[in-house]
Amino acid sequence: MSKTVIITGGSNGIGAATVIMFAEKGYNVVLNYNRSAQAALFLQESLTETGYNVTAIRADVTNRSEVNTMIDKTIKLYGKVDVLINNAAIAQQKLFTEITENDWNQMISTNLTGTFNCCQAVSGHMINNKCGCIINISSIWGLTGSSCEVHYSASKAAVIGLTKALAKELGPSNIRVNCVAPGVVATKMNQNLSVDDLNVLIDETPLGRIASAEEIAKTIYFLADEDSGFITGQIISPNGGFYI
């Protein structure tokens, strides 16, 4: 029986690359999206036409009721949830003194509360099955902090803390919880970087380039694979040596 994975924020960037990766590995894939319906449905159609099992489900991860409905739909479709990948996130560059209360609340609600909602909604199902894998997507800025991204850095650092604590709590139920904290990746989220800023980041990276979304997807799949069955509570940062 094929395993089932839910990937939040699966319509673009790292999420889309991860959807493709898990589909090609034979998983039943639930591609979660919120606003990017066109991209999500296009990706679903292109993969299902190739013979893969991919279902796009809209849900706002900040809305617990919608998250619960997504989990219920997944279980009705595929019988279980083996892997949850919390990838849905937003970013914003802004001087700390100019961050509004709304900016802060939106950042925390999406990046942290959204991760909490999905983890809690699926954890009871995984506990009953005595099996499961949760992978939270943080950022290198959650490890090091980034100037002009205080609220983003704080939300991603909190995801790391959530990961470590949850791994300890769910470990006795044979549920692994890990975190991927990518460095700079060639995605829409980083399109606002100027050429000069991007070159500075590349110069500071020992491998001399930024990552592709596919490379991050490979790291995520590694943590989901059964061969990584003794790895939990870990933060893996594919960042090309930018942060060592």
C-alpha atoms as a PDB file:
ATOM      1  CA  MET A   1       0.000   0.000   0.000  1.00  0.00           C
ATOM      2  CA  SER A   2       1.398   3.371  -1.001  1.00  0.00           C
ATOM      3  CA  LYS A   3       2.273   5.890   1.682  1.00  0.00           C
ATOM      4  CA  THR A   4       0.496   9.219   1.879  1.00  0.00           C
ATOM      5  CA  VAL A   5       2.066  12.641   2.348  1.00  0.00           C
ATOM      6  CA  ILE A   6       0.509  16.058   2.918  1.00  0.00           C
ATOM      7  CA  ILE A   7       2.631  18.953   1.672  1.00  0.00           C
ATOM      8  CA  THR A   8       1.425  22.406   2.681  1.00  0.00           C
ATOM      9  CA  GLY A   9       2.204  25.315   0.401  1.00  0.00           C
ATOM     10  CA  GLY A  10       2.746  22.796  -2.373  1.00  0.00           C
ATOM     11  CA  SER A  11       1.948  24.882  -5.428  1.00  0.00           C
ATOM     12  CA  ASN A  12       5.241  26.771  -5.869  1.00  0.00           C
ATOM     13  CA  GLY A  13       8.946  26.753  -5.071  1.00  0.00           C
ATOM     14  CA  ILE A  14      10.206  24.193  -2.555  1.00  0.00           C
ATOM     15  CA  GLY A  15       6.673  22.921  -2.038  1.00  0.00           C
ATOM     16  CA  ALA A  16       6.110  22.163  -5.721  1.00  0.00           C
ATOM     17  CA  ALA A  17       9.518  20.492  -6.050  1.00  0.00           C
ATOM     18  CA  THR A  18       8.666  18.360  -3.019  1.00  0.00           C
ATOM     19  CA  VAL A  19       5.278  17.397  -4.451  1.00  0.00           C
ATOM     20  CA  ILE A  20       7.011  16.193  -7.627  1.00  0.00           C
ATOM     21  CA  MET A  21       9.691  14.355  -5.657  1.00  0.00           C
ATOM     22  CA  PHE A  22       7.231  12.385  -3.496  1.00  0.00           C
ATOM     23  CA  ALA A  23       4.901  11.667  -6.421  1.00  0.00           C
ATOM     24  CA  GLU A  24       7.802  10.207  -8.389  1.00  0.00           C
ATOM     25  CA  LYS A  25       8.696   8.064  -5.360  1.00  0.00           C
ATOM     26  CA  GLY A  26       5.233   6.492  -5.436  1.00  0.00           C
ATOM     27  CA  TYR A  27       3.494   8.395  -2.643  1.00  0.00           C
ATOM     28  CA  ASN A  28      -0.124   9.465  -2.612  1.00  0.00           C
ATOM     29  CA  VAL A  29       0.403  13.224  -2.457  1.00  0.00           C
ATOM     30  CA  VAL A  30      -1.989  15.799  -1.038  1.00  0.00           C
ATOM     31  CA  LEU A  31      -0.934  19.141  -2.475  1.00  0.00           C
ATOM     32  CA  ASN A  32      -2.194  21.817  -0.111  1.00  0.00           C
ATOM     33  CA  TYR A  33      -2.644  25.377  -1.337  1.00  0.00           C
ATOM     34  CA  ASN A  34      -4.484  28.494  -0.242  1.00  0.00           C
ATOM     35  CA  ARG A  35      -4.404  31.335  -2.787  1.00  0.00           C
ATOM     36  CA  SER A  36      -2.386  29.760  -5.619  1.00  0.00           C
ATOM     37  CA  ALA A  37      -5.226  27.713  -7.088  1.00  0.00           C
ATOM     38  CA  GLN A  38      -4.120  27.993 -10.708  1.00  0.00           C
ATOM     39  CA  ALA A  39      -0.577  26.799 -10.015  1.00  0.00           C
ATOM     40  CA  ALA A  40      -1.783  24.018  -7.697  1.00  0.00           C
ATOM     41  CA  LEU A  41      -4.369  22.653 -10.114  1.00  0.00           C
ATOM     42  CA  PHE A  42      -1.941  22.836 -13.031  1.00  0.00           C
ATOM     43  CA  LEU A  43       0.652  20.840 -11.058  1.00  0.00           C
ATOM     44  CA  GLN A  44      -1.967  18.309  -9.975  1.00  0.00           C
ATOM     45  CA  GLU A  45      -3.181  17.844 -13.546  1.00  0.00           C
ATOM     46  CA  SER A  46       0.305  17.514 -15.025  1.00  0.00           C
ATOM     47  CA  LEU A  47       1.266  14.853 -12.485  1.00  0.00           C
ATOM     48  CA  THR A  48      -1.974  12.864 -12.587  1.00  0.00           C
ATOM     49  CA  GLU A  49      -1.766  12.757 -16.394  1.00  0.00           C
ATOM     50  CA  THR A  50       1.627  11.093 -15.934  1.00  0.00           C
ATOM     51  CA  GLY A  51       0.042   8.450 -13.701  1.00  0.00           C
ATOM     52  CA  TYR A  52       0.873   9.786 -10.244  1.00  0.00           C
ATOM     53  CA  ASN A  53      -1.598  10.067  -7.364  1.00  0.00           C
ATOM     54  CA  VAL A  54      -1.814  13.779  -6.538  1.00  0.00           C
ATOM     55  CA  THR A  55      -4.801  15.561  -5.031  1.00  0.00           C
ATOM     56  CA  ALA A  56      -4.908  19.330  -4.559  1.00  0.00           C
ATOM     57  CA  ILE A  57      -6.828  20.465  -1.481  1.00  0.00           C
ATOM     58  CA  ARG A  58      -7.352  24.113  -0.575  1.00  0.00           C
ATOM     59  CA  ALA A  59      -6.936  25.002   3.091  1.00  0.00           C
ATOM     60  CA  ASP A  60      -5.660  28.055   4.927  1.00  0.00           C
ATOM     61  CA  VAL A  61      -3.205  26.640   7.460  1.00  0.00           C
ATOM     62  CA  THR A  62      -3.965  29.533   9.833  1.00  0.00           C
ATOM     63  CA  ASN A  63      -7.579  28.312  10.019  1.00  0.00           C
ATOM     64  CA  ARG A  64      -7.841  25.254  12.261  1.00  0.00           C
ATOM     65  CA  SER A  65     -11.241  24.232  10.908  1.00  0.00           C
ATOM     66  CA  GLU A  66      -9.937  24.187   7.336  1.00  0.00           C
ATOM     67  CA  VAL A  67      -6.854  22.219   8.420  1.00  0.00           C
ATOM     68  CA  ASN A  68      -9.053  19.630  10.170  1.00  0.00           C
ATOM     69  CA  THR A  69     -11.159  19.300   7.028  1.00  0.00           C
ATOM     70  CA  MET A  70      -8.010  18.771   4.922  1.00  0.00           C
ATOM     71  CA  ILE A  71      -6.825  15.989   7.240  1.00  0.00           C
ATOM     72  CA  ASP A  72     -10.267  14.340   7.200  1.00  0.00           C
ATOM     73  CA  LYS A  73     -10.427  14.485   3.382  1.00  0.00           C
ATOM     74  CA  THR A  74      -6.960  12.945   3.130  1.00  0.00           C
ATOM     75  CA  ILE A  75      -7.854  10.049   5.413  1.00  0.00           C
ATOM     76  CA  LYS A  76     -11.100   9.411   3.503  1.00  0.00           C
ATOM     77  CA  LEU A  77      -9.191   9.409   0.205  1.00  0.00           C
ATOM     78  CA  TYR A  78      -6.119   7.411   1.188  1.00  0.00           C
ATOM     79  CA  GLY A  79      -6.883   5.842   4.574  1.00  0.00           C
ATOM     80  CA  LYS A  80      -4.008   7.427   6.515  1.00  0.00           C
ATOM     81  CA  VAL A  81      -1.374  10.139   6.719  1.00  0.00           C
ATOM     82  CA  ASP A  82       2.171   8.811   6.872  1.00  0.00           C
ATOM     83  CA  VAL A  83       4.098  12.052   6.357  1.00  0.00           C
ATOM     84  CA  LEU A  84       3.276  15.708   6.997  1.00  0.00           C
ATOM     85  CA  ILE A  85       5.502  18.406   5.503  1.00  0.00           C
ATOM     86  CA  ASN A  86       4.837  21.887   6.864  1.00  0.00           C
ATOM     87  CA  ASN A  87       6.123  24.101   4.079  1.00  0.00           C
ATOM     88  CA  ALA A  88       3.490  26.874   3.833  1.00  0.00           C
ATOM     89  CA  ALA A  89       5.065  30.195   4.759  1.00  0.00           C
ATOM     90  CA  ILE A  90       5.309  33.882   3.973  1.00  0.00           C
ATOM     91  CA  ALA A  91       8.291  36.251   4.067  1.00  0.00           C
ATOM     92  CA  GLN A  92       8.796  39.995   4.206  1.00  0.00           C
ATOM     93  CA  GLN A  93      11.767  42.324   4.285  1.00  0.00           C
ATOM     94  CA  LYS A  94      11.222  45.391   6.451  1.00  0.00           C
ATOM     95  CA  LEU A  95      13.098  47.526   8.939  1.00  0.00           C
ATOM     96  CA  PHE A  96      12.295  46.435  12.486  1.00  0.00           C
ATOM     97  CA  THR A  97      11.055  49.931  13.349  1.00  0.00           C
ATOM     98  CA  GLU A  98       8.571  49.743  10.456  1.00  0.00           C
ATOM     99  CA  ILE A  99       7.078  46.305  11.185  1.00  0.00           C
ATOM    100  CA  THR A 100       3.396  46.806  11.965  1.00  0.00           C
ATOM    101  CA  GLU A 101       1.315  44.780  14.382  1.00  0.00           C
ATOM    102  CA  ASN A 102      -0.481  43.309  11.383  1.00  0.00           C
ATOM    103  CA  ASP A 103       2.845  42.377   9.727  1.00  0.00           C
ATOM    104  CA  TRP A 104       3.899  40.587  12.897  1.00  0.00           C
ATOM    105  CA  ASN A 105       0.593  38.792  13.413  1.00  0.00           C
ATOM    106  CA  GLN A 106       0.415  37.594   9.803  1.00  0.00           C
ATOM    107  CA  MET A 107       3.972  36.265   9.937  1.00  0.00           C
ATOM    108  CA  ILE A 108       3.484  34.377  13.195  1.00  0.00           C
ATOM    109  CA  SER A 109       0.030  33.142  12.199  1.00  0.00           C
ATOM    110  CA  THR A 110       1.203  31.638   8.905  1.00  0.00           C
ATOM    111  CA  ASN A 111       4.694  30.413   9.703  1.00  0.00           C
ATOM    112  CA  LEU A 112       4.259  29.274  13.303  1.00  0.00           C
ATOM    113  CA  THR A 113       0.565  28.856  14.073  1.00  0.00           C
ATOM    114  CA  GLY A 114       0.023  27.215  10.690  1.00  0.00           C
ATOM    115  CA  THR A 115       2.707  24.662  11.527  1.00  0.00           C
ATOM    116  CA  PHE A 116       1.185  24.123  14.977  1.00  0.00           C
ATOM    117  CA  ASN A 117      -2.307  23.646  13.513  1.00  0.00           C
ATOM    118  CA  CYS A 118      -1.173  21.017  11.027  1.00  0.00           C
ATOM    119  CA  CYS A 119       1.012  19.167  13.525  1.00  0.00           C
ATOM    120  CA  GLN A 120      -1.723  19.009  16.138  1.00  0.00           C
ATOM    121  CA  ALA A 121      -4.440  18.077  13.642  1.00  0.00           C
ATOM    122  CA  VAL A 122      -2.478  15.099  12.319  1.00  0.00           C
ATOM    123  CA  SER A 123      -0.761  13.979  15.525  1.00  0.00           C
ATOM    124  CA  GLY A 124      -3.769  12.149  16.986  1.00  0.00           C
ATOM    125  CA  HIS A 125      -4.088  10.094  13.804  1.00  0.00           C
ATOM    126  CA  MET A 126      -0.371   9.266  13.847  1.00  0.00           C
ATOM    127  CA  ILE A 127      -0.410   8.409  17.561  1.00  0.00           C
ATOM    128  CA  ASN A 128      -3.273   5.957  16.979  1.00  0.00           C
ATOM    129  CA  ASN A 129      -1.251   4.322  14.195  1.00  0.00           C
ATOM    130  CA  LYS A 130       1.948   4.345  16.291  1.00  0.00           C
ATOM    131  CA  CYS A 131       3.763   5.614  13.234  1.00  0.00           C
ATOM    132  CA  GLY A 132       4.394   8.841  11.372  1.00  0.00           C
ATOM    133  CA  CYS A 133       6.836  11.444  10.182  1.00  0.00           C
ATOM    134  CA  ILE A 134       6.583  15.226  10.427  1.00  0.00           C
ATOM    135  CA  ILE A 135       9.012  17.540   8.646  1.00  0.00           C
ATOM    136  CA  ASN A 136       8.846  21.251   9.370  1.00  0.00           C
ATOM    137  CA  ILE A 137      10.452  23.749   7.010  1.00  0.00           C
ATOM    138  CA  SER A 138      12.312  26.529   8.792  1.00  0.00           C
ATOM    139  CA  SER A 139      15.093  28.691   7.336  1.00  0.00           C
ATOM    140  CA  ILE A 140      18.746  29.480   7.827  1.00  0.00           C
ATOM    141  CA  TRP A 141      17.483  32.799   9.203  1.00  0.00           C
ATOM    142  CA  GLY A 142      15.784  30.857  11.975  1.00  0.00           C
ATOM    143  CA  LEU A 143      19.267  29.684  12.949  1.00  0.00           C
ATOM    144  CA  THR A 144      21.233  32.892  12.473  1.00  0.00           C
ATOM    145  CA  GLY A 145      18.726  35.743  12.232  1.00  0.00           C
ATOM    146  CA  SER A 146      18.527  38.168   9.334  1.00  0.00           C
ATOM    147  CA  SER A 147      18.657  41.950   9.358  1.00  0.00           C
ATOM    148  CA  CYS A 148      15.407  43.507   8.115  1.00  0.00           C
ATOM    149  CA  GLU A 149      13.617  40.184   8.610  1.00  0.00           C
ATOM    150  CA  VAL A 150      13.170  40.113  12.378  1.00  0.00           C
ATOM    151  CA  HIS A 151       9.595  38.831  12.306  1.00  0.00           C
ATOM    152  CA  TYR A 152      10.430  36.183   9.695  1.00  0.00           C
ATOM    153  CA  SER A 153      13.534  35.073  11.610  1.00  0.00           C
ATOM    154  CA  ALA A 154      11.569  34.887  14.870  1.00  0.00           C
ATOM    155  CA  SER A 155       8.822  32.776  13.314  1.00  0.00           C
ATOM    156  CA  LYS A 156      11.321  30.363  11.770  1.00  0.00           C
ATOM    157  CA  ALA A 157      13.339  30.098  14.997  1.00  0.00           C
ATOM    158  CA  ALA A 158      10.109  29.203  16.771  1.00  0.00           C
ATOM    159  CA  VAL A 159       9.476  26.413  14.265  1.00  0.00           C
ATOM    160  CA  ILE A 160      12.850  24.963  15.254  1.00  0.00           C
ATOM    161  CA  GLY A 161      11.887  25.032  18.932  1.00  0.00           C
ATOM    162  CA  LEU A 162       8.539  23.435  18.144  1.00  0.00           C
ATOM    163  CA  THR A 163      10.297  20.679  16.191  1.00  0.00           C
ATOM    164  CA  LYS A 164      12.692  19.775  19.002  1.00  0.00           C
ATOM    165  CA  ALA A 165      10.018  19.729  21.692  1.00  0.00           C
ATOM    166  CA  LEU A 166       7.512  17.793  19.602  1.00  0.00           C
ATOM    167  CA  ALA A 167      10.125  15.189  18.672  1.00  0.00           C
ATOM    168  CA  LYS A 168      10.597  14.425  22.372  1.00  0.00           C
ATOM    169  CA  GLU A 169       6.849  14.204  23.000  1.00  0.00           C
ATOM    170  CA  LEU A 170       5.898  12.098  19.987  1.00  0.00           C
ATOM    171  CA  GLY A 171       8.971   9.854  19.907  1.00  0.00           C
ATOM    172  CA  PRO A 172       7.446   7.231  22.245  1.00  0.00           C
ATOM    173  CA  SER A 173       4.619   6.843  19.699  1.00  0.00           C
ATOM    174  CA  ASN A 174       7.169   6.068  16.946  1.00  0.00           C
ATOM    175  CA  ILE A 175       6.614   9.446  15.297  1.00  0.00           C
ATOM    176  CA  ARG A 176       9.685  11.271  14.018  1.00  0.00           C
ATOM    177  CA  VAL A 177       9.768  15.074  13.860  1.00  0.00           C
ATOM    178  CA  ASN A 178      12.576  16.853  12.031  1.00  0.00           C
ATOM    179  CA  CYS A 179      13.255  20.219  10.469  1.00  0.00           C
ATOM    180  CA  VAL A 180      14.876  21.452   7.267  1.00  0.00           C
ATOM    181  CA  ALA A 181      16.335  24.960   7.436  1.00  0.00           C
ATOM    182  CA  PRO A 182      17.396  25.882   3.885  1.00  0.00           C
ATOM    183  CA  GLY A 183      19.837  28.589   2.947  1.00  0.00           C
ATOM    184  CA  VAL A 184      19.089  30.898   0.027  1.00  0.00           C
ATOM    185  CA  VAL A 185      17.038  29.073  -2.614  1.00  0.00           C
ATOM    186  CA  ALA A 186      16.078  30.082  -6.151  1.00  0.00           C
ATOM    187  CA  THR A 187      12.335  30.561  -5.533  1.00  0.00           C
ATOM    188  CA  LYS A 188       9.727  33.309  -5.843  1.00  0.00           C
ATOM    189  CA  MET A 189      10.246  34.129  -2.166  1.00  0.00           C
ATOM    190  CA  ASN A 190      13.715  35.447  -2.997  1.00  0.00           C
ATOM    191  CA  GLN A 191      12.846  37.228  -6.229  1.00  0.00           C
ATOM    192  CA  ASN A 192      12.802  40.555  -4.395  1.00  0.00           C
ATOM    193  CA  LEU A 193      16.553  40.323  -3.752  1.00  0.00           C
ATOM    194  CA  SER A 194      18.605  42.688  -5.867  1.00  0.00           C
ATOM    195  CA  VAL A 195      21.380  41.316  -8.077  1.00  0.00           C
ATOM    196  CA  ASP A 196      23.940  42.915  -5.762  1.00  0.00           C
ATOM    197  CA  ASP A 197      22.367  41.375  -2.646  1.00  0.00           C
ATOM    198  CA  LEU A 198      22.190  37.979  -4.329  1.00  0.00           C
ATOM    199  CA  ASN A 199      25.839  38.185  -5.378  1.00  0.00           C
ATOM    200  CA  VAL A 200      26.853  39.028  -1.812  1.00  0.00           C
ATOM    201  CA  LEU A 201      25.066  35.923  -0.552  1.00  0.00           C
ATOM    202  CA  ILE A 202      26.698  33.810  -3.268  1.00  0.00           C
ATOM    203  CA  ASP A 203      30.127  35.202  -2.381  1.00  0.00           C
ATOM    204  CA  GLU A 204      29.557  34.276   1.267  1.00  0.00           C
ATOM    205  CA  THR A 205      28.580  30.705   0.343  1.00  0.00           C
ATOM    206  CA  PRO A 206      31.554  28.309   0.103  1.00  0.00           C
ATOM    207  CA  LEU A 207      29.892  26.325  -2.694  1.00  0.00           C
ATOM    208  CA  GLY A 208      29.604  29.572  -4.644  1.00  0.00           C
ATOM    209  CA  ARG A 209      25.946  29.384  -5.613  1.00  0.00           C
ATOM    210  CA  ILE A 210      22.416  29.271  -4.230  1.00  0.00           C
ATOM    211  CA  ALA A 211      20.340  26.120  -3.954  1.00  0.00           C
ATOM    212  CA  SER A 212      17.659  24.854  -6.290  1.00  0.00           C
ATOM    213  CA  ALA A 213      14.248  23.914  -4.923  1.00  0.00           C
ATOM    214  CA  GLU A 214      14.897  20.356  -6.083  1.00  0.00           C
ATOM    215  CA  GLU A 215      17.964  20.089  -3.851  1.00  0.00           C
ATOM    216  CA  ILE A 216      15.902  21.059  -0.817  1.00  0.00           C
ATOM    217  CA  ALA A 217      13.209  18.558  -1.826  1.00  0.00           C
ATOM    218  CA  LYS A 218      15.854  15.814  -1.818  1.00  0.00           C
ATOM    219  CA  THR A 219      16.788  16.698   1.770  1.00  0.00           C
ATOM    220  CA  ILE A 220      13.127  16.603   2.783  1.00  0.00           C
ATOM    221  CA  TYR A 221      12.658  13.206   1.159  1.00  0.00           C
ATOM    222  CA  PHE A 222      15.787  11.892   2.879  1.00  0.00           C
ATOM    223  CA  LEU A 223      14.233  12.681   6.264  1.00  0.00           C
ATOM    224  CA  ALA A 224      10.948  11.020   5.296  1.00  0.00           C
ATOM    225  CA  ASP A 225      12.579   7.852   4.009  1.00  0.00           C
ATOM    226  CA  GLU A 226      12.589   4.738   6.181  1.00  0.00           C
ATOM    227  CA  ASP A 227      16.383   4.629   5.968  1.00  0.00           C
ATOM    228  CA  SER A 228      16.352   7.716   8.214  1.00  0.00           C
ATOM    229  CA  GLY A 229      14.277   5.897  10.813  1.00  0.00           C
ATOM    230  CA  PHE A 230      16.548   6.752  13.759  1.00  0.00           C
ATOM    231  CA  ILE A 231      16.726  10.477  13.016  1.00  0.00           C
ATOM    232  CA  THR A 232      14.392  12.723  15.014  1.00  0.00           C
ATOM    233  CA  GLY A 233      14.518  16.155  16.596  1.00  0.00           C
ATOM    234  CA  GLN A 234      17.202  17.269  14.154  1.00  0.00           C
ATOM    235  CA  ILE A 235      17.647  20.498  12.216  1.00  0.00           C
ATOM    236  CA  ILE A 236      19.278  19.915   8.830  1.00  0.00           C
ATOM    237  CA  SER A 237      20.376  23.064   7.009  1.00  0.00           C
ATOM    238  CA  PRO A 238      21.264  22.627   3.325  1.00  0.00           C
ATOM    239  CA  ASN A 239      22.947  26.010   2.879  1.00  0.00           C
ATOM    240  CA  GLY A 240      26.092  25.404   0.822  1.00  0.00           C
ATOM    241  CA  GLY A 241      28.304  26.162   3.813  1.00  0.00           C
ATOM    242  CA  PHE A 242      26.896  29.666   4.358  1.00  0.00           C
ATOM    243  CA  TYR A 243      26.341  28.774   8.018  1.00  0.00           C
ATOM    244  CA  ILE A 244      28.596  26.176   9.618  1.00  0.00           C
END
